[in-house]
PDB file of N, CA and C in Angstrom:
ATOM      1  N   MET A   1     -34.465-100.100  33.939  1.00  0.00           N
ATOM      2  CA  MET A   1     -34.866 -99.189  34.997  1.00  0.00           C
ATOM      3  C   MET A   1     -34.092 -97.892  34.839  1.00  0.00           C
ATOM      4  N   ALA A   2     -34.812 -96.796  34.840  1.00  0.00           N
ATOM      5  CA  ALA A   2     -34.175 -95.486  34.683  1.00  0.00           C
ATOM      6  C   ALA A   2     -33.425 -95.112  35.953  1.00  0.00           C
ATOM      7  N   PRO A   3     -32.263 -94.490  35.808  1.00  0.00           N
ATOM      8  CA  PRO A   3     -31.525 -94.045  36.994  1.00  0.00           C
ATOM      9  C   PRO A   3     -32.354 -93.055  37.800  1.00  0.00           C
ATOM     10  N   ARG A   4     -32.189 -93.108  39.087  1.00  0.00           N
ATOM     11  CA  ARG A   4     -32.876 -92.168  39.961  1.00  0.00           C
ATOM     12  C   ARG A   4     -31.870 -91.604  40.938  1.00  0.00           C
ATOM     13  N   LYS A   5     -32.243 -90.558  41.601  1.00  0.00           N
ATOM     14  CA  LYS A   5     -31.363 -89.931  42.574  1.00  0.00           C
ATOM     15  C   LYS A   5     -31.461 -90.691  43.898  1.00  0.00           C
ATOM     16  N   LEU A   6     -30.322 -90.876  44.552  1.00  0.00           N
ATOM     17  CA  LEU A   6     -30.297 -91.557  45.837  1.00  0.00           C
ATOM     18  C   LEU A   6     -30.752 -90.618  46.951  1.00  0.00           C
ATOM     19  N   THR A   7     -31.500 -91.161  47.909  1.00  0.00           N
ATOM     20  CA  THR A   7     -31.863 -90.385  49.093  1.00  0.00           C
ATOM     21  C   THR A   7     -30.612 -90.261  49.966  1.00  0.00           C
ATOM     22  N   PRO A   8     -30.593 -89.337  50.917  1.00  0.00           N
ATOM     23  CA  PRO A   8     -29.426 -89.234  51.812  1.00  0.00           C
ATOM     24  C   PRO A   8     -29.142 -90.535  52.564  1.00  0.00           C
ATOM     25  N   ASP A   9     -30.183 -91.243  53.024  1.00  0.00           N
ATOM     26  CA  ASP A   9     -29.978 -92.517  53.713  1.00  0.00           C
ATOM     27  C   ASP A   9     -29.372 -93.561  52.779  1.00  0.00           C
ATOM     28  N   GLU A  10     -29.896 -93.634  51.560  1.00  0.00           N
ATOM     29  CA  GLU A  10     -29.361 -94.585  50.584  1.00  0.00           C
ATOM     30  C   GLU A  10     -27.902 -94.263  50.264  1.00  0.00           C
ATOM     31  N   LYS A  11     -27.628 -92.997  50.053  1.00  0.00           N
ATOM     32  CA  LYS A  11     -26.266 -92.567  49.733  1.00  0.00           C
ATOM     33  C   LYS A  11     -25.302 -92.944  50.867  1.00  0.00           C
ATOM     34  N   GLY A  12     -25.727 -92.716  52.107  1.00  0.00           N
ATOM     35  CA  GLY A  12     -24.897 -93.070  53.250  1.00  0.00           C
ATOM     36  C   GLY A  12     -24.597 -94.550  53.316  1.00  0.00           C
ATOM     37  N   LEU A  13     -25.605 -95.378  53.044  1.00  0.00           N
ATOM     38  CA  LEU A  13     -25.396 -96.826  53.078  1.00  0.00           C
ATOM     39  C   LEU A  13     -24.495 -97.294  51.940  1.00  0.00           C
ATOM     40  N   VAL A  14     -24.643 -96.713  50.759  1.00  0.00           N
ATOM     41  CA  VAL A  14     -23.768 -97.080  49.641  1.00  0.00           C
ATOM     42  C   VAL A  14     -22.326 -96.706  49.972  1.00  0.00           C
ATOM     43  N   LEU A  15     -22.118 -95.532  50.547  1.00  0.00           N
ATOM     44  CA  LEU A  15     -20.764 -95.120  50.936  1.00  0.00           C
ATOM     45  C   LEU A  15     -20.172 -96.068  51.976  1.00  0.00           C
ATOM     46  N   LEU A  16     -20.950 -96.422  52.996  1.00  0.00           N
ATOM     47  CA  LEU A  16     -20.474 -97.364  54.017  1.00  0.00           C
ATOM     48  C   LEU A  16     -20.156 -98.726  53.406  1.00  0.00           C
ATOM     49  N   ARG A  17     -21.044 -99.186  52.530  1.00  0.00           N
ATOM     50  CA  ARG A  17     -20.815-100.476  51.860  1.00  0.00           C
ATOM     51  C   ARG A  17     -19.489-100.454  51.121  1.00  0.00           C
ATOM     52  N   ASN A  18     -19.250 -99.386  50.372  1.00  0.00           N
ATOM     53  CA  ASN A  18     -18.030 -99.297  49.574  1.00  0.00           C
ATOM     54  C   ASN A  18     -16.782 -99.187  50.441  1.00  0.00           C
ATOM     55  N   GLU A  19     -16.861 -98.391  51.495  1.00  0.00           N
ATOM     56  CA  GLU A  19     -15.681 -98.123  52.313  1.00  0.00           C
ATOM     57  C   GLU A  19     -15.373 -99.217  53.332  1.00  0.00           C
ATOM     58  N   LEU A  20     -16.397 -99.784  53.953  1.00  0.00           N
ATOM     59  CA  LEU A  20     -16.165-100.738  55.032  1.00  0.00           C
ATOM     60  C   LEU A  20     -16.313-102.198  54.627  1.00  0.00           C
ATOM     61  N   TYR A  21     -17.022-102.450  53.547  1.00  0.00           N
ATOM     62  CA  TYR A  21     -17.331-103.833  53.171  1.00  0.00           C
ATOM     63  C   TYR A  21     -16.907-104.176  51.744  1.00  0.00           C
ATOM     64  N   ASP A  22     -15.965-103.451  51.206  1.00  0.00           N
ATOM     65  CA  ASP A  22     -15.462-103.712  49.849  1.00  0.00           C
ATOM     66  C   ASP A  22     -16.582-103.857  48.822  1.00  0.00           C
ATOM     67  N   GLY A  23     -17.635-103.066  48.978  1.00  0.00           N
ATOM     68  CA  GLY A  23     -18.731-103.067  48.003  1.00  0.00           C
ATOM     69  C   GLY A  23     -19.709-104.219  48.152  1.00  0.00           C
ATOM     70  N   SER A  24     -19.667-104.959  49.246  1.00  0.00           N
ATOM     71  CA  SER A  24     -20.520-106.143  49.417  1.00  0.00           C
ATOM     72  C   SER A  24     -21.730-105.846  50.296  1.00  0.00           C
ATOM     73  N   TRP A  25     -22.912-105.930  49.688  1.00  0.00           N
ATOM     74  CA  TRP A  25     -24.135-105.804  50.480  1.00  0.00           C
ATOM     75  C   TRP A  25     -24.228-106.954  51.481  1.00  0.00           C
ATOM     76  N   GLN A  26     -23.878-108.150  51.043  1.00  0.00           N
ATOM     77  CA  GLN A  26     -24.011-109.323  51.895  1.00  0.00           C
ATOM     78  C   GLN A  26     -23.171-109.193  53.163  1.00  0.00           C
ATOM     79  N   ALA A  27     -21.930-108.756  53.031  1.00  0.00           N
ATOM     80  CA  ALA A  27     -21.069-108.578  54.202  1.00  0.00           C
ATOM     81  C   ALA A  27     -21.655-107.534  55.149  1.00  0.00           C
ATOM     82  N   MET A  28     -22.233-106.487  54.586  1.00  0.00           N
ATOM     83  CA  MET A  28     -22.832-105.435  55.397  1.00  0.00           C
ATOM     84  C   MET A  28     -24.049-105.965  56.152  1.00  0.00           C
ATOM     85  N   LEU A  29     -24.904-106.727  55.464  1.00  0.00           N
ATOM     86  CA  LEU A  29     -26.076-107.302  56.114  1.00  0.00           C
ATOM     87  C   LEU A  29     -25.675-108.268  57.228  1.00  0.00           C
ATOM     88  N   GLU A  30     -24.675-109.105  56.975  1.00  0.00           N
ATOM     89  CA  GLU A  30     -24.209-110.040  57.993  1.00  0.00           C
ATOM     90  C   GLU A  30     -23.706-109.296  59.228  1.00  0.00           C
ATOM     91  N   ASP A  31     -23.001-108.199  59.005  1.00  0.00           N
ATOM     92  CA  ASP A  31     -22.488-107.397  60.112  1.00  0.00           C
ATOM     93  C   ASP A  31     -23.632-106.803  60.936  1.00  0.00           C
ATOM     94  N   LEU A  32     -24.636-106.276  60.276  1.00  0.00           N
ATOM     95  CA  LEU A  32     -25.768-105.672  60.986  1.00  0.00           C
ATOM     96  C   LEU A  32     -26.568-106.722  61.749  1.00  0.00           C
ATOM     97  N   HIS A  33     -26.769-107.873  61.136  1.00  0.00           N
ATOM     98  CA  HIS A  33     -27.476-108.955  61.830  1.00  0.00           C
ATOM     99  C   HIS A  33     -26.679-109.409  63.056  1.00  0.00           C
ATOM    100  N   SER A  34     -25.361-109.469  62.942  1.00  0.00           N
ATOM    101  CA  SER A  34     -24.513-109.829  64.090  1.00  0.00           C
ATOM    102  C   SER A  34     -24.693-108.827  65.217  1.00  0.00           C
ATOM    103  N   ARG A  35     -24.770-107.572  64.858  1.00  0.00           N
ATOM    104  CA  ARG A  35     -24.966-106.519  65.864  1.00  0.00           C
ATOM    105  C   ARG A  35     -26.287-106.721  66.591  1.00  0.00           C
ATOM    106  N   LEU A  36     -27.351-107.025  65.834  1.00  0.00           N
ATOM    107  CA  LEU A  36     -28.654-107.249  66.455  1.00  0.00           C
ATOM    108  C   LEU A  36     -28.636-108.445  67.397  1.00  0.00           C
ATOM    109  N   GLU A  37     -27.841-109.449  67.071  1.00  0.00           N
ATOM    110  CA  GLU A  37     -27.765-110.670  67.868  1.00  0.00           C
ATOM    111  C   GLU A  37     -26.747-110.569  68.999  1.00  0.00           C
ATOM    112  N   GLY A  38     -26.112-109.401  69.147  1.00  0.00           N
ATOM    113  CA  GLY A  38     -25.148-109.209  70.217  1.00  0.00           C
ATOM    114  C   GLY A  38     -23.790-109.834  69.944  1.00  0.00           C
ATOM    115  N   LYS A  39     -23.542-110.212  68.704  1.00  0.00           N
ATOM    116  CA  LYS A  39     -22.251-110.776  68.310  1.00  0.00           C
ATOM    117  C   LYS A  39     -21.299-109.638  67.945  1.00  0.00           C
ATOM    118  N   PRO A  40     -20.011-109.944  67.789  1.00  0.00           N
ATOM    119  CA  PRO A  40     -19.071-108.892  67.364  1.00  0.00           C
ATOM    120  C   PRO A  40     -19.498-108.275  66.029  1.00  0.00           C
ATOM    121  N   TYR A  41     -19.260-106.981  65.885  1.00  0.00           N
ATOM    122  CA  TYR A  41     -19.643-106.266  64.667  1.00  0.00           C
ATOM    123  C   TYR A  41     -18.564-105.259  64.314  1.00  0.00           C
ATOM    124  N   VAL A  42     -18.627-104.754  63.086  1.00  0.00           N
ATOM    125  CA  VAL A  42     -17.581-103.892  62.562  1.00  0.00           C
ATOM    126  C   VAL A  42     -17.747-102.440  63.003  1.00  0.00           C
ATOM    127  N   PHE A  43     -18.916-101.879  62.889  1.00  0.00           N
ATOM    128  CA  PHE A  43     -19.089-100.473  63.226  1.00  0.00           C
ATOM    129  C   PHE A  43     -20.455-100.231  63.854  1.00  0.00           C
ATOM    130  N   LYS A  44     -20.601 -99.098  64.495  1.00  0.00           N
ATOM    131  CA  LYS A  44     -21.829 -98.733  65.182  1.00  0.00           C
ATOM    132  C   LYS A  44     -22.604 -97.737  64.314  1.00  0.00           C
ATOM    133  N   LEU A  45     -23.868 -98.002  64.094  1.00  0.00           N
ATOM    134  CA  LEU A  45     -24.709 -97.088  63.327  1.00  0.00           C
ATOM    135  C   LEU A  45     -25.533 -96.218  64.261  1.00  0.00           C
ATOM    136  N   ALA A  46     -25.711 -94.972  63.891  1.00  0.00           N
ATOM    137  CA  ALA A  46     -26.508 -94.056  64.698  1.00  0.00           C
ATOM    138  C   ALA A  46     -28.000 -94.308  64.496  1.00  0.00           C
ATOM    139  N   ARG A  47     -28.379 -94.809  63.324  1.00  0.00           N
ATOM    140  CA  ARG A  47     -29.790 -95.059  63.031  1.00  0.00           C
ATOM    141  C   ARG A  47     -30.183 -96.450  63.481  1.00  0.00           C
ATOM    142  N   ARG A  48     -31.450 -96.716  63.433  1.00  0.00           N
ATOM    143  CA  ARG A  48     -31.934 -98.048  63.810  1.00  0.00           C
ATOM    144  C   ARG A  48     -31.505 -99.073  62.768  1.00  0.00           C
ATOM    145  N   ILE A  49     -30.961-100.154  63.262  1.00  0.00           N
ATOM    146  CA  ILE A  49     -30.406-101.186  62.399  1.00  0.00           C
ATOM    147  C   ILE A  49     -31.480-101.838  61.545  1.00  0.00           C
ATOM    148  N   GLU A  50     -32.644-102.074  62.092  1.00  0.00           N
ATOM    149  CA  GLU A  50     -33.702-102.741  61.324  1.00  0.00           C
ATOM    150  C   GLU A  50     -34.069-101.947  60.070  1.00  0.00           C
ATOM    151  N   GLU A  51     -34.139-100.627  60.206  1.00  0.00           N
ATOM    152  CA  GLU A  51     -34.452 -99.790  59.046  1.00  0.00           C
ATOM    153  C   GLU A  51     -33.338 -99.853  58.009  1.00  0.00           C
ATOM    154  N   ASP A  52     -32.094 -99.854  58.471  1.00  0.00           N
ATOM    155  CA  ASP A  52     -30.970 -99.942  57.545  1.00  0.00           C
ATOM    156  C   ASP A  52     -30.975-101.275  56.810  1.00  0.00           C
ATOM    157  N   ILE A  53     -31.281-102.353  57.511  1.00  0.00           N
ATOM    158  CA  ILE A  53     -31.327-103.666  56.868  1.00  0.00           C
ATOM    159  C   ILE A  53     -32.365-103.676  55.761  1.00  0.00           C
ATOM    160  N   LYS A  54     -33.550-103.140  56.025  1.00  0.00           N
ATOM    161  CA  LYS A  54     -34.599-103.086  54.998  1.00  0.00           C
ATOM    162  C   LYS A  54     -34.144-102.265  53.795  1.00  0.00           C
ATOM    163  N   LEU A  55     -33.512-101.126  54.061  1.00  0.00           N
ATOM    164  CA  LEU A  55     -33.050-100.266  52.976  1.00  0.00           C
ATOM    165  C   LEU A  55     -31.922-100.931  52.187  1.00  0.00           C
ATOM    166  N   ILE A  56     -31.017-101.601  52.880  1.00  0.00           N
ATOM    167  CA  ILE A  56     -29.932-102.317  52.197  1.00  0.00           C
ATOM    168  C   ILE A  56     -30.500-103.400  51.289  1.00  0.00           C
ATOM    169  N   GLU A  57     -31.459-104.164  51.789  1.00  0.00           N
ATOM    170  CA  GLU A  57     -32.069-105.220  50.976  1.00  0.00           C
ATOM    171  C   GLU A  57     -32.756-104.634  49.747  1.00  0.00           C
ATOM    172  N   LYS A  58     -33.391-103.468  49.911  1.00  0.00           N
ATOM    173  CA  LYS A  58     -34.036-102.789  48.781  1.00  0.00           C
ATOM    174  C   LYS A  58     -32.988-102.357  47.747  1.00  0.00           C
ATOM    175  N   LEU A  59     -31.917-101.716  48.218  1.00  0.00           N
ATOM    176  CA  LEU A  59     -30.858-101.257  47.304  1.00  0.00           C
ATOM    177  C   LEU A  59     -30.180-102.436  46.610  1.00  0.00           C
ATOM    178  N   GLN A  60     -29.944-103.496  47.360  1.00  0.00           N
ATOM    179  CA  GLN A  60     -29.321-104.691  46.785  1.00  0.00           C
ATOM    180  C   GLN A  60     -30.187-105.257  45.665  1.00  0.00           C
ATOM    181  N   LYS A  61     -31.496-105.334  45.885  1.00  0.00           N
ATOM    182  CA  LYS A  61     -32.411-105.858  44.866  1.00  0.00           C
ATOM    183  C   LYS A  61     -32.426-104.957  43.630  1.00  0.00           C
ATOM    184  N   ILE A  62     -32.440-103.648  43.847  1.00  0.00           N
ATOM    185  CA  ILE A  62     -32.442-102.720  42.715  1.00  0.00           C
ATOM    186  C   ILE A  62     -31.179-102.913  41.880  1.00  0.00           C
ATOM    187  N   GLU A  63     -30.022-103.016  42.538  1.00  0.00           N
ATOM    188  CA  GLU A  63     -28.773-103.217  41.785  1.00  0.00           C
ATOM    189  C   GLU A  63     -28.797-104.528  41.015  1.00  0.00           C
ATOM    190  N   GLU A  64     -29.276-105.581  41.654  1.00  0.00           N
ATOM    191  CA  GLU A  64     -29.302-106.893  41.003  1.00  0.00           C
ATOM    192  C   GLU A  64     -30.315-106.950  39.867  1.00  0.00           C
ATOM    193  N   ASP A  65     -31.494-106.382  40.064  1.00  0.00           N
ATOM    194  CA  ASP A  65     -32.564-106.453  39.064  1.00  0.00           C
ATOM    195  C   ASP A  65     -32.399-105.474  37.910  1.00  0.00           C
ATOM    196  N   GLY A  66     -31.848-104.306  38.190  1.00  0.00           N
ATOM    197  CA  GLY A  66     -31.827-103.275  37.175  1.00  0.00           C
ATOM    198  C   GLY A  66     -30.470-102.882  36.653  1.00  0.00           C
ATOM    199  N   SER A  67     -29.443-103.622  37.012  1.00  0.00           N
ATOM    200  CA  SER A  67     -28.086-103.300  36.574  1.00  0.00           C
ATOM    201  C   SER A  67     -27.720-101.848  36.905  1.00  0.00           C
ATOM    202  N   VAL A  68     -28.181-101.368  38.049  1.00  0.00           N
ATOM    203  CA  VAL A  68     -27.855-100.028  38.517  1.00  0.00           C
ATOM    204  C   VAL A  68     -26.582-100.110  39.347  1.00  0.00           C
ATOM    205  N   ASN A  69     -25.690 -99.158  39.156  1.00  0.00           N
ATOM    206  CA  ASN A  69     -24.483 -99.088  39.958  1.00  0.00           C
ATOM    207  C   ASN A  69     -24.584 -97.826  40.807  1.00  0.00           C
ATOM    208  N   PHE A  70     -24.915 -98.029  42.086  1.00  0.00           N
ATOM    209  CA  PHE A  70     -25.108 -96.880  42.960  1.00  0.00           C
ATOM    210  C   PHE A  70     -23.831 -96.090  43.186  1.00  0.00           C
ATOM    211  N   THR A  71     -22.700 -96.739  43.111  1.00  0.00           N
ATOM    212  CA  THR A  71     -21.442 -96.026  43.284  1.00  0.00           C
ATOM    213  C   THR A  71     -21.295 -94.924  42.244  1.00  0.00           C
ATOM    214  N   GLU A  72     -21.737 -95.197  41.028  1.00  0.00           N
ATOM    215  CA  GLU A  72     -21.678 -94.191  39.964  1.00  0.00           C
ATOM    216  C   GLU A  72     -22.623 -93.021  40.235  1.00  0.00           C
ATOM    217  N   MET A  73     -23.626 -93.248  41.083  1.00  0.00           N
ATOM    218  CA  MET A  73     -24.629 -92.220  41.358  1.00  0.00           C
ATOM    219  C   MET A  73     -24.249 -91.345  42.561  1.00  0.00           C
ATOM    220  N   LEU A  74     -23.160 -91.634  43.235  1.00  0.00           N
ATOM    221  CA  LEU A  74     -22.803 -90.900  44.439  1.00  0.00           C
ATOM    222  C   LEU A  74     -22.511 -89.430  44.182  1.00  0.00           C
ATOM    223  N   GLY A  75     -22.114 -89.092  42.984  1.00  0.00           N
ATOM    224  CA  GLY A  75     -21.807 -87.698  42.669  1.00  0.00           C
ATOM    225  C   GLY A  75     -23.022 -86.821  42.517  1.00  0.00           C
ATOM    226  N   ASP A  76     -24.216 -87.441  42.413  1.00  0.00           N
ATOM    227  CA  ASP A  76     -25.461 -86.660  42.236  1.00  0.00           C
ATOM    228  C   ASP A  76     -25.810 -85.864  43.447  1.00  0.00           C
TER     229      ASP A  76
END
């Protein structure tokens, strides 16, 4: 898969993943699902959580399927 430029939303989620969840998509998804269920959560998002979850799952699949490292793309 050819590298592509990250959208601002994607870039924001990759930065949050790296800074708050030690680079783990899974930890980030668990945190967002906890927030939706009214359980304790790590941080508050300004955007709708459901949209972020869908985007995170998309980014996670791209990294897993295409050996893409979004952290390397943050400088774009």
